[in-house]
PDB file of N, CA and C in Angstrom:
ATOM      1  N   MET A   1      36.976 165.755 110.776  1.00  0.00           N
ATOM      2  CA  MET A   1      36.890 164.959 112.115  1.00  0.00           C
ATOM      3  C   MET A   1      35.416 164.700 112.347  1.00  0.00           C
ATOM      4  N   ILE A   2      35.159 163.387 112.480  1.00  0.00           N
ATOM      5  CA  ILE A   2      33.805 162.904 112.807  1.00  0.00           C
ATOM      6  C   ILE A   2      33.861 162.451 114.219  1.00  0.00           C
ATOM      7  N   LEU A   3      32.915 163.042 114.916  1.00  0.00           N
ATOM      8  CA  LEU A   3      32.747 162.852 116.435  1.00  0.00           C
ATOM      9  C   LEU A   3      31.425 162.193 116.641  1.00  0.00           C
ATOM     10  N   TYR A   4      31.507 161.096 117.412  1.00  0.00           N
ATOM     11  CA  TYR A   4      30.272 160.484 117.940  1.00  0.00           C
ATOM     12  C   TYR A   4      30.295 160.380 119.482  1.00  0.00           C
ATOM     13  N   ASP A   5      28.996 160.188 119.973  1.00  0.00           N
ATOM     14  CA  ASP A   5      28.923 159.980 121.418  1.00  0.00           C
ATOM     15  C   ASP A   5      28.865 158.630 121.825  1.00  0.00           C
ATOM     16  N   ILE A   6      29.787 158.211 122.577  1.00  0.00           N
ATOM     17  CA  ILE A   6      29.804 156.709 122.920  1.00  0.00           C
ATOM     18  C   ILE A   6      28.533 156.233 123.666  1.00  0.00           C
ATOM     19  N   THR A   7      27.719 157.160 124.126  1.00  0.00           N
ATOM     20  CA  THR A   7      26.437 156.744 124.915  1.00  0.00           C
ATOM     21  C   THR A   7      25.346 156.926 124.195  1.00  0.00           C
ATOM     22  N   ASN A   8      25.519 157.085 122.840  1.00  0.00           N
ATOM     23  CA  ASN A   8      24.230 157.371 121.872  1.00  0.00           C
ATOM     24  C   ASN A   8      24.495 156.597 120.675  1.00  0.00           C
ATOM     25  N   LYS A   9      23.731 155.513 120.623  1.00  0.00           N
ATOM     26  CA  LYS A   9      23.772 154.664 119.417  1.00  0.00           C
ATOM     27  C   LYS A   9      23.462 155.260 118.126  1.00  0.00           C
ATOM     28  N   ASN A  10      22.487 156.276 118.067  1.00  0.00           N
ATOM     29  CA  ASN A  10      22.139 156.932 116.862  1.00  0.00           C
ATOM     30  C   ASN A  10      23.248 157.791 116.309  1.00  0.00           C
ATOM     31  N   SER A  11      24.069 158.366 117.136  1.00  0.00           N
ATOM     32  CA  SER A  11      25.215 159.132 116.653  1.00  0.00           C
ATOM     33  C   SER A  11      26.198 158.158 116.042  1.00  0.00           C
ATOM     34  N   PHE A  12      26.369 157.083 116.561  1.00  0.00           N
ATOM     35  CA  PHE A  12      27.375 155.998 116.050  1.00  0.00           C
ATOM     36  C   PHE A  12      26.899 155.460 114.589  1.00  0.00           C
ATOM     37  N   GLU A  13      25.575 155.311 114.599  1.00  0.00           N
ATOM     38  CA  GLU A  13      24.988 154.659 113.453  1.00  0.00           C
ATOM     39  C   GLU A  13      25.028 155.510 112.283  1.00  0.00           C
ATOM     40  N   ASN A  14      25.159 156.923 112.471  1.00  0.00           N
ATOM     41  CA  ASN A  14      25.305 157.890 111.375  1.00  0.00           C
ATOM     42  C   ASN A  14      26.640 158.131 110.955  1.00  0.00           C
ATOM     43  N   VAL A  15      27.589 157.382 111.551  1.00  0.00           N
ATOM     44  CA  VAL A  15      29.030 157.677 111.148  1.00  0.00           C
ATOM     45  C   VAL A  15      29.276 157.183 109.719  1.00  0.00           C
ATOM     46  N   ASN A  16      28.880 156.035 109.430  1.00  0.00           N
ATOM     47  CA  ASN A  16      28.954 155.428 108.032  1.00  0.00           C
ATOM     48  C   ASN A  16      28.550 156.465 106.925  1.00  0.00           C
ATOM     49  N   LYS A  17      27.270 157.058 107.186  1.00  0.00           N
ATOM     50  CA  LYS A  17      26.775 158.045 106.271  1.00  0.00           C
ATOM     51  C   LYS A  17      27.687 159.192 106.164  1.00  0.00           C
ATOM     52  N   TRP A  18      28.097 159.681 107.294  1.00  0.00           N
ATOM     53  CA  TRP A  18      29.068 160.888 107.243  1.00  0.00           C
ATOM     54  C   TRP A  18      30.424 160.729 106.539  1.00  0.00           C
ATOM     55  N   ILE A  19      30.927 159.537 106.909  1.00  0.00           N
ATOM     56  CA  ILE A  19      32.183 159.077 106.180  1.00  0.00           C
ATOM     57  C   ILE A  19      31.967 159.142 104.550  1.00  0.00           C
ATOM     58  N   ILE A  20      31.020 158.508 104.258  1.00  0.00           N
ATOM     59  CA  ILE A  20      30.750 158.328 102.709  1.00  0.00           C
ATOM     60  C   ILE A  20      30.496 159.722 102.110  1.00  0.00           C
ATOM     61  N   ASN A  21      29.709 160.547 102.803  1.00  0.00           N
ATOM     62  CA  ASN A  21      29.528 161.887 102.311  1.00  0.00           C
ATOM     63  C   ASN A  21      30.772 162.706 102.320  1.00  0.00           C
ATOM     64  N   ILE A  22      31.561 162.534 103.249  1.00  0.00           N
ATOM     65  CA  ILE A  22      32.906 163.320 103.261  1.00  0.00           C
ATOM     66  C   ILE A  22      33.876 162.735 102.056  1.00  0.00           C
ATOM     67  N   LYS A  23      33.855 161.390 101.979  1.00  0.00           N
ATOM     68  CA  LYS A  23      34.729 160.843 100.817  1.00  0.00           C
ATOM     69  C   LYS A  23      34.295 161.289  99.530  1.00  0.00           C
ATOM     70  N   ASN A  24      32.885 161.308  99.295  1.00  0.00           N
ATOM     71  CA  ASN A  24      32.453 161.848  97.899  1.00  0.00           C
ATOM     72  C   ASN A  24      32.783 163.196  97.775  1.00  0.00           C
ATOM     73  N   LYS A  25      32.991 164.198  98.786  1.00  0.00           N
ATOM     74  CA  LYS A  25      33.008 165.587  98.549  1.00  0.00           C
ATOM     75  C   LYS A  25      34.347 166.159  98.896  1.00  0.00           C
ATOM     76  N   LYS A  26      35.257 165.502  99.609  1.00  0.00           N
ATOM     77  CA  LYS A  26      36.353 166.191 100.197  1.00  0.00           C
ATOM     78  C   LYS A  26      37.617 166.213  99.123  1.00  0.00           C
ATOM     79  N   ASN A  27      38.481 166.921  99.463  1.00  0.00           N
ATOM     80  CA  ASN A  27      39.797 166.986  98.703  1.00  0.00           C
ATOM     81  C   ASN A  27      40.414 165.683  98.985  1.00  0.00           C
ATOM     82  N   LYS A  28      41.011 165.044  97.990  1.00  0.00           N
ATOM     83  CA  LYS A  28      41.571 163.676  98.070  1.00  0.00           C
ATOM     84  C   LYS A  28      42.747 163.585  98.961  1.00  0.00           C
ATOM     85  N   LYS A  29      43.399 164.785  99.144  1.00  0.00           N
ATOM     86  CA  LYS A  29      44.545 164.875 100.172  1.00  0.00           C
ATOM     87  C   LYS A  29      44.077 164.910 101.565  1.00  0.00           C
ATOM     88  N   GLY A  30      42.853 165.247 101.860  1.00  0.00           N
ATOM     89  CA  GLY A  30      42.447 165.367 103.279  1.00  0.00           C
ATOM     90  C   GLY A  30      42.358 164.050 104.017  1.00  0.00           C
ATOM     91  N   LYS A  31      42.366 164.122 105.322  1.00  0.00           N
ATOM     92  CA  LYS A  31      42.221 163.075 106.135  1.00  0.00           C
ATOM     93  C   LYS A  31      40.965 163.066 106.914  1.00  0.00           C
ATOM     94  N   ILE A  32      40.407 161.893 107.182  1.00  0.00           N
ATOM     95  CA  ILE A  32      39.273 161.753 108.179  1.00  0.00           C
ATOM     96  C   ILE A  32      39.726 161.117 109.388  1.00  0.00           C
ATOM     97  N   ILE A  33      39.283 161.639 110.576  1.00  0.00           N
ATOM     98  CA  ILE A  33      39.508 160.863 111.774  1.00  0.00           C
ATOM     99  C   ILE A  33      38.134 160.745 112.415  1.00  0.00           C
ATOM    100  N   LEU A  34      38.162 159.594 113.260  1.00  0.00           N
ATOM    101  CA  LEU A  34      36.998 159.306 113.955  1.00  0.00           C
ATOM    102  C   LEU A  34      37.202 159.405 115.401  1.00  0.00           C
ATOM    103  N   ILE A  35      36.363 160.080 116.082  1.00  0.00           N
ATOM    104  CA  ILE A  35      36.514 160.323 117.580  1.00  0.00           C
ATOM    105  C   ILE A  35      35.319 159.895 118.336  1.00  0.00           C
ATOM    106  N   GLY A  36      35.418 159.005 119.299  1.00  0.00           N
ATOM    107  CA  GLY A  36      34.286 158.622 120.202  1.00  0.00           C
ATOM    108  C   GLY A  36      34.478 159.617 121.396  1.00  0.00           C
ATOM    109  N   ASN A  37      33.435 160.396 121.712  1.00  0.00           N
ATOM    110  CA  ASN A  37      33.586 161.372 122.856  1.00  0.00           C
ATOM    111  C   ASN A  37      32.691 160.857 124.092  1.00  0.00           C
ATOM    112  N   LYS A  38      33.052 161.466 125.110  1.00  0.00           N
ATOM    113  CA  LYS A  38      32.314 161.217 126.384  1.00  0.00           C
ATOM    114  C   LYS A  38      32.805 159.928 127.049  1.00  0.00           C
ATOM    115  N   ASN A  39      34.213 159.481 126.944  1.00  0.00           N
ATOM    116  CA  ASN A  39      34.597 158.280 127.560  1.00  0.00           C
ATOM    117  C   ASN A  39      34.754 158.355 128.865  1.00  0.00           C
ATOM    118  N   ASP A  40      34.483 159.524 129.445  1.00  0.00           N
ATOM    119  CA  ASP A  40      34.353 159.640 131.042  1.00  0.00           C
ATOM    120  C   ASP A  40      33.113 159.002 131.587  1.00  0.00           C
ATOM    121  N   LEU A  41      32.110 158.648 130.619  1.00  0.00           N
ATOM    122  CA  LEU A  41      30.826 158.222 131.088  1.00  0.00           C
ATOM    123  C   LEU A  41      30.749 156.632 130.937  1.00  0.00           C
ATOM    124  N   LYS A  42      31.707 156.078 131.701  1.00  0.00           N
ATOM    125  CA  LYS A  42      31.838 154.466 131.496  1.00  0.00           C
ATOM    126  C   LYS A  42      30.625 153.784 131.763  1.00  0.00           C
ATOM    127  N   ASN A  43      29.922 154.167 132.747  1.00  0.00           N
ATOM    128  CA  ASN A  43      28.590 153.415 133.207  1.00  0.00           C
ATOM    129  C   ASN A  43      27.574 153.666 132.224  1.00  0.00           C
ATOM    130  N   GLU A  44      27.643 154.628 131.306  1.00  0.00           N
ATOM    131  CA  GLU A  44      26.499 154.889 130.381  1.00  0.00           C
ATOM    132  C   GLU A  44      27.029 154.477 128.880  1.00  0.00           C
ATOM    133  N   ARG A  45      28.041 153.885 128.682  1.00  0.00           N
ATOM    134  CA  ARG A  45      28.706 153.544 127.441  1.00  0.00           C
ATOM    135  C   ARG A  45      27.834 152.462 126.743  1.00  0.00           C
ATOM    136  N   ILE A  46      27.522 152.805 125.523  1.00  0.00           N
ATOM    137  CA  ILE A  46      26.773 151.965 124.652  1.00  0.00           C
ATOM    138  C   ILE A  46      27.556 151.280 123.405  1.00  0.00           C
ATOM    139  N   ILE A  47      28.485 152.211 122.991  1.00  0.00           N
ATOM    140  CA  ILE A  47      29.396 151.783 121.952  1.00  0.00           C
ATOM    141  C   ILE A  47      30.798 151.458 122.493  1.00  0.00           C
ATOM    142  N   SER A  48      31.225 150.278 122.257  1.00  0.00           N
ATOM    143  CA  SER A  48      32.467 149.805 122.891  1.00  0.00           C
ATOM    144  C   SER A  48      33.551 150.418 122.096  1.00  0.00           C
ATOM    145  N   PHE A  49      34.828 150.473 122.675  1.00  0.00           N
ATOM    146  CA  PHE A  49      36.003 151.003 122.026  1.00  0.00           C
ATOM    147  C   PHE A  49      36.321 150.224 120.826  1.00  0.00           C
ATOM    148  N   GLU A  50      35.966 148.802 120.982  1.00  0.00           N
ATOM    149  CA  GLU A  50      36.347 147.919 119.827  1.00  0.00           C
ATOM    150  C   GLU A  50      35.472 148.111 118.765  1.00  0.00           C
ATOM    151  N   GLU A  51      34.112 148.604 118.826  1.00  0.00           N
ATOM    152  CA  GLU A  51      33.324 148.911 117.847  1.00  0.00           C
ATOM    153  C   GLU A  51      33.757 150.214 116.987  1.00  0.00           C
ATOM    154  N   GLY A  52      34.178 151.073 117.630  1.00  0.00           N
ATOM    155  CA  GLY A  52      34.635 152.329 117.077  1.00  0.00           C
ATOM    156  C   GLY A  52      36.020 152.046 116.386  1.00  0.00           C
ATOM    157  N   LYS A  53      36.924 151.226 116.993  1.00  0.00           N
ATOM    158  CA  LYS A  53      38.082 150.816 116.246  1.00  0.00           C
ATOM    159  C   LYS A  53      38.009 150.045 115.032  1.00  0.00           C
ATOM    160  N   LYS A  54      36.905 149.065 115.072  1.00  0.00           N
ATOM    161  CA  LYS A  54      36.499 148.347 113.886  1.00  0.00           C
ATOM    162  C   LYS A  54      36.042 149.081 112.773  1.00  0.00           C
ATOM    163  N   LEU A  55      35.298 150.080 113.066  1.00  0.00           N
ATOM    164  CA  LEU A  55      34.655 150.951 111.965  1.00  0.00           C
ATOM    165  C   LEU A  55      35.796 151.830 111.424  1.00  0.00           C
ATOM    166  N   ALA A  56      36.682 152.412 112.365  1.00  0.00           N
ATOM    167  CA  ALA A  56      37.805 153.185 111.754  1.00  0.00           C
ATOM    168  C   ALA A  56      38.683 152.301 110.860  1.00  0.00           C
ATOM    169  N   ASN A  57      39.021 151.035 111.238  1.00  0.00           N
ATOM    170  CA  ASN A  57      39.834 150.114 110.523  1.00  0.00           C
ATOM    171  C   ASN A  57      39.001 149.897 109.082  1.00  0.00           C
ATOM    172  N   LYS A  58      37.637 149.746 109.085  1.00  0.00           N
ATOM    173  CA  LYS A  58      36.965 149.618 107.835  1.00  0.00           C
ATOM    174  C   LYS A  58      37.286 150.631 106.706  1.00  0.00           C
ATOM    175  N   TYR A  59      37.471 151.942 107.197  1.00  0.00           N
ATOM    176  CA  TYR A  59      37.748 152.998 106.358  1.00  0.00           C
ATOM    177  C   TYR A  59      39.225 153.410 106.314  1.00  0.00           C
ATOM    178  N   ASN A  60      40.018 152.622 107.119  1.00  0.00           N
ATOM    179  CA  ASN A  60      41.585 152.974 107.219  1.00  0.00           C
ATOM    180  C   ASN A  60      41.782 154.287 107.619  1.00  0.00           C
ATOM    181  N   ILE A  61      41.178 154.724 108.775  1.00  0.00           N
ATOM    182  CA  ILE A  61      41.237 156.152 109.340  1.00  0.00           C
ATOM    183  C   ILE A  61      41.634 156.078 110.924  1.00  0.00           C
ATOM    184  N   TYR A  62      42.140 157.142 111.269  1.00  0.00           N
ATOM    185  CA  TYR A  62      42.626 157.336 112.681  1.00  0.00           C
ATOM    186  C   TYR A  62      41.518 157.190 113.607  1.00  0.00           C
ATOM    187  N   PHE A  63      41.527 156.691 114.723  1.00  0.00           N
ATOM    188  CA  PHE A  63      40.466 156.548 115.700  1.00  0.00           C
ATOM    189  C   PHE A  63      41.034 156.688 117.030  1.00  0.00           C
ATOM    190  N   ASN A  64      40.317 157.439 117.943  1.00  0.00           N
ATOM    191  CA  ASN A  64      40.614 157.555 119.340  1.00  0.00           C
ATOM    192  C   ASN A  64      39.401 157.884 120.083  1.00  0.00           C
ATOM    193  N   GLU A  65      39.353 157.810 121.334  1.00  0.00           N
ATOM    194  CA  GLU A  65      38.197 158.195 122.329  1.00  0.00           C
ATOM    195  C   GLU A  65      38.705 159.266 123.228  1.00  0.00           C
ATOM    196  N   THR A  66      37.864 160.181 123.389  1.00  0.00           N
ATOM    197  CA  THR A  66      38.111 161.362 124.165  1.00  0.00           C
ATOM    198  C   THR A  66      37.136 161.805 125.290  1.00  0.00           C
ATOM    199  N   SER A  67      37.556 162.711 126.028  1.00  0.00           N
ATOM    200  CA  SER A  67      36.381 163.181 126.942  1.00  0.00           C
ATOM    201  C   SER A  67      36.707 164.739 126.919  1.00  0.00           C
ATOM    202  N   GLY A  68      35.562 165.576 126.507  1.00  0.00           N
ATOM    203  CA  GLY A  68      35.601 166.835 126.536  1.00  0.00           C
ATOM    204  C   GLY A  68      35.668 167.420 127.963  1.00  0.00           C
ATOM    205  N   LYS A  69      35.030 166.517 128.875  1.00  0.00           N
ATOM    206  CA  LYS A  69      34.830 167.058 130.224  1.00  0.00           C
ATOM    207  C   LYS A  69      36.177 166.832 130.960  1.00  0.00           C
ATOM    208  N   THR A  70      36.947 165.802 130.760  1.00  0.00           N
ATOM    209  CA  THR A  70      38.164 165.530 131.513  1.00  0.00           C
ATOM    210  C   THR A  70      39.429 165.948 130.687  1.00  0.00           C
ATOM    211  N   GLY A  71      39.257 166.044 129.493  1.00  0.00           N
ATOM    212  CA  GLY A  71      40.349 166.421 128.628  1.00  0.00           C
ATOM    213  C   GLY A  71      41.118 165.124 128.149  1.00  0.00           C
ATOM    214  N   LYS A  72      40.701 163.880 128.545  1.00  0.00           N
ATOM    215  CA  LYS A  72      41.328 162.737 128.126  1.00  0.00           C
ATOM    216  C   LYS A  72      41.571 162.596 126.638  1.00  0.00           C
ATOM    217  N   ASN A  73      42.795 162.373 126.177  1.00  0.00           N
ATOM    218  CA  ASN A  73      43.170 162.155 124.787  1.00  0.00           C
ATOM    219  C   ASN A  73      42.989 163.329 123.914  1.00  0.00           C
ATOM    220  N   ILE A  74      42.523 164.438 124.404  1.00  0.00           N
ATOM    221  CA  ILE A  74      42.339 165.603 123.437  1.00  0.00           C
ATOM    222  C   ILE A  74      43.653 166.141 122.917  1.00  0.00           C
ATOM    223  N   MET A  75      44.743 166.060 123.648  1.00  0.00           N
ATOM    224  CA  MET A  75      46.046 166.523 123.219  1.00  0.00           C
ATOM    225  C   MET A  75      46.535 165.577 122.156  1.00  0.00           C
ATOM    226  N   GLU A  76      46.417 164.227 122.298  1.00  0.00           N
ATOM    227  CA  GLU A  76      46.704 163.240 121.380  1.00  0.00           C
ATOM    228  C   GLU A  76      46.026 163.436 119.985  1.00  0.00           C
ATOM    229  N   VAL A  77      44.742 163.737 119.933  1.00  0.00           N
ATOM    230  CA  VAL A  77      44.012 163.982 118.772  1.00  0.00           C
ATOM    231  C   VAL A  77      44.476 165.205 118.154  1.00  0.00           C
ATOM    232  N   PHE A  78      44.788 166.391 118.808  1.00  0.00           N
ATOM    233  CA  PHE A  78      45.246 167.498 118.217  1.00  0.00           C
ATOM    234  C   PHE A  78      46.738 167.306 117.749  1.00  0.00           C
ATOM    235  N   TYR A  79      47.394 166.624 118.400  1.00  0.00           N
ATOM    236  CA  TYR A  79      48.792 166.241 117.938  1.00  0.00           C
ATOM    237  C   TYR A  79      48.836 165.525 116.493  1.00  0.00           C
ATOM    238  N   PHE A  80      47.955 164.493 116.542  1.00  0.00           N
ATOM    239  CA  PHE A  80      47.732 163.768 115.215  1.00  0.00           C
ATOM    240  C   PHE A  80      47.338 164.785 114.061  1.00  0.00           C
ATOM    241  N   LEU A  81      46.313 165.596 114.378  1.00  0.00           N
ATOM    242  CA  LEU A  81      45.979 166.634 113.378  1.00  0.00           C
ATOM    243  C   LEU A  81      47.055 167.610 112.938  1.00  0.00           C
ATOM    244  N   THR A  82      47.770 168.059 113.889  1.00  0.00           N
ATOM    245  CA  THR A  82      48.862 168.972 113.618  1.00  0.00           C
ATOM    246  C   THR A  82      49.968 168.146 112.733  1.00  0.00           C
ATOM    247  N   LEU A  83      50.228 167.073 113.102  1.00  0.00           N
ATOM    248  CA  LEU A  83      51.125 166.242 112.341  1.00  0.00           C
ATOM    249  C   LEU A  83      50.745 165.967 110.973  1.00  0.00           C
ATOM    250  N   GLU A  84      49.498 165.720 110.687  1.00  0.00           N
ATOM    251  CA  GLU A  84      48.888 165.493 109.420  1.00  0.00           C
ATOM    252  C   GLU A  84      48.955 166.780 108.505  1.00  0.00           C
ATOM    253  N   ILE A  85      48.627 167.865 109.132  1.00  0.00           N
ATOM    254  CA  ILE A  85      48.815 169.181 108.439  1.00  0.00           C
ATOM    255  C   ILE A  85      50.137 169.510 108.087  1.00  0.00           C
ATOM    256  N   TYR A  86      51.198 169.346 108.986  1.00  0.00           N
ATOM    257  CA  TYR A  86      52.616 169.443 108.763  1.00  0.00           C
ATOM    258  C   TYR A  86      52.975 168.598 107.580  1.00  0.00           C
ATOM    259  N   ILE A  87      52.635 167.276 107.556  1.00  0.00           N
ATOM    260  CA  ILE A  87      53.060 166.232 106.487  1.00  0.00           C
ATOM    261  C   ILE A  87      52.507 166.811 105.156  1.00  0.00           C
ATOM    262  N   GLN A  88      51.297 167.246 105.212  1.00  0.00           N
ATOM    263  CA  GLN A  88      50.655 167.682 103.927  1.00  0.00           C
ATOM    264  C   GLN A  88      51.260 169.054 103.364  1.00  0.00           C
ATOM    265  N   LEU A  89      51.707 169.838 104.239  1.00  0.00           N
ATOM    266  CA  LEU A  89      52.285 171.160 103.951  1.00  0.00           C
ATOM    267  C   LEU A  89      53.593 170.820 103.245  1.00  0.00           C
ATOM    268  N   ILE A  90      54.502 169.992 103.863  1.00  0.00           N
ATOM    269  CA  ILE A  90      55.747 169.652 103.378  1.00  0.00           C
ATOM    270  C   ILE A  90      55.616 168.920 102.109  1.00  0.00           C
ATOM    271  N   SER A  91      54.658 168.134 101.875  1.00  0.00           N
ATOM    272  CA  SER A  91      54.460 167.241 100.711  1.00  0.00           C
ATOM    273  C   SER A  91      54.138 168.370  99.511  1.00  0.00           C
ATOM    274  N   SER A  92      53.346 169.421  99.860  1.00  0.00           N
ATOM    275  CA  SER A  92      52.908 170.318  98.891  1.00  0.00           C
ATOM    276  C   SER A  92      54.204 171.215  98.412  1.00  0.00           C
ATOM    277  N   LEU A  93      55.221 171.308  99.185  1.00  0.00           N
ATOM    278  CA  LEU A  93      56.317 172.162  98.820  1.00  0.00           C
ATOM    279  C   LEU A  93      57.273 171.439  97.973  1.00  0.00           C
ATOM    280  N   LYS A  94      57.091 170.070  97.897  1.00  0.00           N
ATOM    281  CA  LYS A  94      58.225 169.324  97.051  1.00  0.00           C
ATOM    282  C   LYS A  94      57.832 169.503  95.561  1.00  0.00           C
TER     283      LYS A  94
END
């Protein structure tokens, strides 16, 4: 899981480096997901939803925005993670 702050350009600019680093080291069965956090701070937003989605599409990875403060979309992200873990577990049993 790669998390960046939607109010911080530097955190978003580092995402490419993190994804490349993970892809070079990770288990090939693993999944990478991209999460933009602090979407409760609408007035301080620097990174648009569309920018995050475009980057996720570039790497063909899951994307969502969340708020740790309000809990928005937290359950959706963990649902996705749980489903991916379940799918990998079932696949490994075949």
